[in-house]
């Protein structure tokens, strides 16, 4: 059996302490690297969020512009429909007048033709002696 001396125990203790110190330094290095990566990731996320916010603003502005154009177009269609309705009313008024004039004209022509046929019939069938 071997005997463990106090020096061996100190050396072992120093070795263990040095290993733990190395591990602590390595862990600190890894922590620093992680912190740097986390900061970079946060910056990138902020940049992405800013880009998304700008795109949202642009998209909302475009939708607002499109909605305004649609409203303007609807107003124009309404104005055009009103004009067509007014024109149709005028045409209906002119059509009613024309129908009245046409009926009156054909009535007068009918009376004249009837009178002429009556005169011609009297002359042909009842001549004067």
C-alpha atoms as a PDB file:
ATOM      1  CA  UNK A   1       0.000   0.000   0.000  1.00  0.00           C
ATOM      2  CA  UNK A   2       1.036   3.411  -0.778  1.00  0.00           C
ATOM      3  CA  UNK A   3       0.903   6.181   1.631  1.00  0.00           C
ATOM      4  CA  UNK A   4      -0.489   9.526   0.699  1.00  0.00           C
ATOM      5  CA  UNK A   5       1.502  12.376   2.039  1.00  0.00           C
ATOM      6  CA  UNK A   6       0.424  15.846   2.799  1.00  0.00           C
ATOM      7  CA  UNK A   7       2.373  17.156  -0.196  1.00  0.00           C
ATOM      8  CA  UNK A   8       0.513  14.778  -2.481  1.00  0.00           C
ATOM      9  CA  UNK A   9      -2.759  16.031  -1.103  1.00  0.00           C
ATOM     10  CA  UNK A  10      -1.712  19.670  -1.638  1.00  0.00           C
ATOM     11  CA  UNK A  11      -0.592  18.930  -5.166  1.00  0.00           C
ATOM     12  CA  UNK A  12      -3.877  17.206  -5.841  1.00  0.00           C
ATOM     13  CA  UNK A  13      -5.750  20.110  -4.297  1.00  0.00           C
ATOM     14  CA  UNK A  14      -3.742  22.626  -6.377  1.00  0.00           C
ATOM     15  CA  UNK A  15      -4.354  20.551  -9.498  1.00  0.00           C
ATOM     16  CA  UNK A  16      -8.086  20.436  -8.798  1.00  0.00           C
ATOM     17  CA  UNK A  17      -8.128  24.184  -8.093  1.00  0.00           C
ATOM     18  CA  UNK A  18      -6.230  24.926 -11.294  1.00  0.00           C
ATOM     19  CA  UNK A  19      -8.622  22.739 -13.288  1.00  0.00           C
ATOM     20  CA  UNK A  20     -11.589  24.515 -11.732  1.00  0.00           C
ATOM     21  CA  UNK A  21      -9.964  27.868 -12.479  1.00  0.00           C
ATOM     22  CA  UNK A  22      -9.483  26.845 -16.112  1.00  0.00           C
ATOM     23  CA  UNK A  23     -13.075  25.674 -16.276  1.00  0.00           C
ATOM     24  CA  UNK A  24     -14.229  28.954 -14.716  1.00  0.00           C
ATOM     25  CA  UNK A  25     -12.234  30.936 -17.310  1.00  0.00           C
ATOM     26  CA  UNK A  26     -13.630  28.816 -20.129  1.00  0.00           C
ATOM     27  CA  UNK A  27     -17.170  29.237 -18.773  1.00  0.00           C
ATOM     28  CA  UNK A  28     -16.600  33.000 -18.461  1.00  0.00           C
ATOM     29  CA  UNK A  29     -15.350  33.069 -22.065  1.00  0.00           C
ATOM     30  CA  UNK A  30     -18.397  31.142 -23.220  1.00  0.00           C
ATOM     31  CA  UNK A  31     -20.647  33.484 -21.211  1.00  0.00           C
ATOM     32  CA  UNK A  32     -19.030  36.512 -22.859  1.00  0.00           C
ATOM     33  CA  UNK A  33     -19.454  34.961 -26.305  1.00  0.00           C
ATOM     34  CA  UNK A  34     -23.085  34.152 -25.514  1.00  0.00           C
ATOM     35  CA  UNK A  35     -23.662  37.687 -24.271  1.00  0.00           C
ATOM     36  CA  UNK A  36     -22.162  39.065 -27.491  1.00  0.00           C
ATOM     37  CA  UNK A  37     -24.351  36.760 -29.586  1.00  0.00           C
ATOM     38  CA  UNK A  38     -27.427  37.659 -27.556  1.00  0.00           C
ATOM     39  CA  UNK A  39     -26.720  41.372 -28.023  1.00  0.00           C
ATOM     40  CA  UNK A  40     -26.219  40.861 -31.774  1.00  0.00           C
ATOM     41  CA  UNK A  41     -29.399  38.805 -31.969  1.00  0.00           C
ATOM     42  CA  UNK A  42     -31.313  41.506 -30.084  1.00  0.00           C
ATOM     43  CA  UNK A  43     -29.985  44.157 -32.466  1.00  0.00           C
ATOM     44  CA  UNK A  44     -30.972  42.059 -35.452  1.00  0.00           C
ATOM     45  CA  UNK A  45     -34.430  41.486 -33.987  1.00  0.00           C
ATOM     46  CA  UNK A  46     -34.840  45.221 -33.400  1.00  0.00           C
ATOM     47  CA  UNK A  47     -33.790  45.891 -36.984  1.00  0.00           C
ATOM     48  CA  UNK A  48     -36.266  43.291 -38.237  1.00  0.00           C
ATOM     49  CA  UNK A  49     -39.022  44.770 -36.066  1.00  0.00           C
ATOM     50  CA  UNK A  50     -38.262  48.255 -37.392  1.00  0.00           C
ATOM     51  CA  UNK A  51     -38.380  46.957 -40.962  1.00  0.00           C
ATOM     52  CA  UNK A  52     -41.692  45.227 -40.297  1.00  0.00           C
ATOM     53  CA  UNK A  53     -43.103  48.387 -38.705  1.00  0.00           C
ATOM     54  CA  UNK A  54     -42.061  50.455 -41.732  1.00  0.00           C
ATOM     55  CA  UNK A  55     -43.610  47.892 -44.067  1.00  0.00           C
ATOM     56  CA  UNK A  56     -46.824  47.982 -42.010  1.00  0.00           C
ATOM     57  CA  UNK A  57     -46.950  51.774 -42.286  1.00  0.00           C
ATOM     58  CA  UNK A  58     -46.377  51.646 -46.040  1.00  0.00           C
ATOM     59  CA  UNK A  59     -48.992  48.925 -46.426  1.00  0.00           C
ATOM     60  CA  UNK A  60     -51.531  50.901 -44.386  1.00  0.00           C
ATOM     61  CA  UNK A  61     -50.835  54.011 -46.456  1.00  0.00           C
ATOM     62  CA  UNK A  62     -51.293  52.047 -49.668  1.00  0.00           C
ATOM     63  CA  UNK A  63     -54.551  50.550 -48.407  1.00  0.00           C
ATOM     64  CA  UNK A  64     -55.745  54.007 -47.395  1.00  0.00           C
ATOM     65  CA  UNK A  65     -54.852  55.355 -50.847  1.00  0.00           C
ATOM     66  CA  UNK A  66     -56.633  52.446 -52.527  1.00  0.00           C
ATOM     67  CA  UNK A  67     -59.714  52.967 -50.336  1.00  0.00           C
ATOM     68  CA  UNK A  68     -59.735  56.678 -51.211  1.00  0.00           C
ATOM     69  CA  UNK A  69     -59.510  55.826 -54.910  1.00  0.00           C
ATOM     70  CA  UNK A  70     -62.341  53.326 -54.548  1.00  0.00           C
ATOM     71  CA  UNK A  71     -64.463  55.942 -52.771  1.00  0.00           C
ATOM     72  CA  UNK A  72     -63.716  58.486 -55.516  1.00  0.00           C
ATOM     73  CA  UNK A  73     -64.606  55.925 -58.172  1.00  0.00           C
ATOM     74  CA  UNK A  74     -67.856  55.094 -56.380  1.00  0.00           C
ATOM     75  CA  UNK A  75     -68.715  58.805 -56.236  1.00  0.00           C
ATOM     76  CA  UNK A  76     -68.032  59.112 -59.963  1.00  0.00           C
ATOM     77  CA  UNK A  77     -70.246  56.097 -60.654  1.00  0.00           C
ATOM     78  CA  UNK A  78     -73.000  57.634 -58.529  1.00  0.00           C
ATOM     79  CA  UNK A  79     -72.687  60.925 -60.425  1.00  0.00           C
ATOM     80  CA  UNK A  80     -72.783  59.071 -63.731  1.00  0.00           C
ATOM     81  CA  UNK A  81     -75.855  57.109 -62.628  1.00  0.00           C
ATOM     82  CA  UNK A  82     -77.589  60.357 -61.669  1.00  0.00           C
ATOM     83  CA  UNK A  83     -76.789  61.806 -65.085  1.00  0.00           C
ATOM     84  CA  UNK A  84     -78.162  58.699 -66.797  1.00  0.00           C
ATOM     85  CA  UNK A  85     -81.315  58.890 -64.682  1.00  0.00           C
ATOM     86  CA  UNK A  86     -81.763  62.562 -65.594  1.00  0.00           C
ATOM     87  CA  UNK A  87     -81.194  61.769 -69.270  1.00  0.00           C
ATOM     88  CA  UNK A  88     -83.679  58.893 -69.108  1.00  0.00           C
ATOM     89  CA  UNK A  89     -86.280  61.198 -67.550  1.00  0.00           C
ATOM     90  CA  UNK A  90     -85.729  63.722 -70.334  1.00  0.00           C
ATOM     91  CA  UNK A  91     -85.967  61.017 -72.979  1.00  0.00           C
ATOM     92  CA  UNK A  92     -89.164  59.705 -71.393  1.00  0.00           C
ATOM     93  CA  UNK A  93     -90.601  63.238 -71.459  1.00  0.00           C
ATOM     94  CA  UNK A  94     -89.614  63.698 -75.109  1.00  0.00           C
ATOM     95  CA  UNK A  95     -90.970  60.238 -75.935  1.00  0.00           C
ATOM     96  CA  UNK A  96     -94.322  61.049 -74.324  1.00  0.00           C
ATOM     97  CA  UNK A  97     -94.534  64.327 -76.268  1.00  0.00           C
ATOM     98  CA  UNK A  98     -93.588  62.590 -79.497  1.00  0.00           C
ATOM     99  CA  UNK A  99     -96.225  59.924 -78.921  1.00  0.00           C
ATOM    100  CA  UNK A 100     -98.829  62.603 -78.327  1.00  0.00           C
ATOM    101  CA  UNK A 101     -97.800  64.490 -81.475  1.00  0.00           C
ATOM    102  CA  UNK A 102     -97.751  61.286 -83.513  1.00  0.00           C
ATOM    103  CA  UNK A 103    -101.228  60.313 -82.347  1.00  0.00           C
ATOM    104  CA  UNK A 104    -102.529  63.788 -83.112  1.00  0.00           C
ATOM    105  CA  UNK A 105    -100.901  63.773 -86.557  1.00  0.00           C
ATOM    106  CA  UNK A 106    -102.293  60.365 -87.486  1.00  0.00           C
ATOM    107  CA  UNK A 107    -105.718  61.397 -86.173  1.00  0.00           C
ATOM    108  CA  UNK A 108    -105.732  64.477 -88.403  1.00  0.00           C
ATOM    109  CA  UNK A 109    -104.497  62.421 -91.387  1.00  0.00           C
ATOM    110  CA  UNK A 110    -107.180  59.827 -90.664  1.00  0.00           C
ATOM    111  CA  UNK A 111    -109.893  62.468 -90.607  1.00  0.00           C
ATOM    112  CA  UNK A 112    -108.621  64.014 -93.870  1.00  0.00           C
ATOM    113  CA  UNK A 113    -108.392  60.623 -95.595  1.00  0.00           C
ATOM    114  CA  UNK A 114    -111.879  59.735 -94.392  1.00  0.00           C
ATOM    115  CA  UNK A 115    -113.227  63.048 -95.710  1.00  0.00           C
ATOM    116  CA  UNK A 116    -111.486  62.611 -99.091  1.00  0.00           C
ATOM    117  CA  UNK A 117    -112.721  59.049 -99.418  1.00  0.00           C
ATOM    118  CA  UNK A 118    -116.222  60.264 -98.587  1.00  0.00           C
ATOM    119  CA  UNK A 119    -116.000  62.939-101.296  1.00  0.00           C
ATOM    120  CA  UNK A 120    -114.552  60.495-103.851  1.00  0.00           C
ATOM    121  CA  UNK A 121    -117.207  57.906-102.964  1.00  0.00           C
ATOM    122  CA  UNK A 122    -120.011  60.452-103.411  1.00  0.00           C
ATOM    123  CA  UNK A 123    -118.631  61.583-106.766  1.00  0.00           C
ATOM    124  CA  UNK A 124    -118.132  58.029-108.027  1.00  0.00           C
ATOM    125  CA  UNK A 125    -121.269  56.390-106.706  1.00  0.00           C
ATOM    126  CA  UNK A 126    -123.655  59.354-106.751  1.00  0.00           C
ATOM    127  CA  UNK A 127    -122.764  61.465-109.738  1.00  0.00           C
ATOM    128  CA  UNK A 128    -124.701  64.711-110.356  1.00  0.00           C
ATOM    129  CA  UNK A 129    -127.070  64.470-113.391  1.00  0.00           C
END
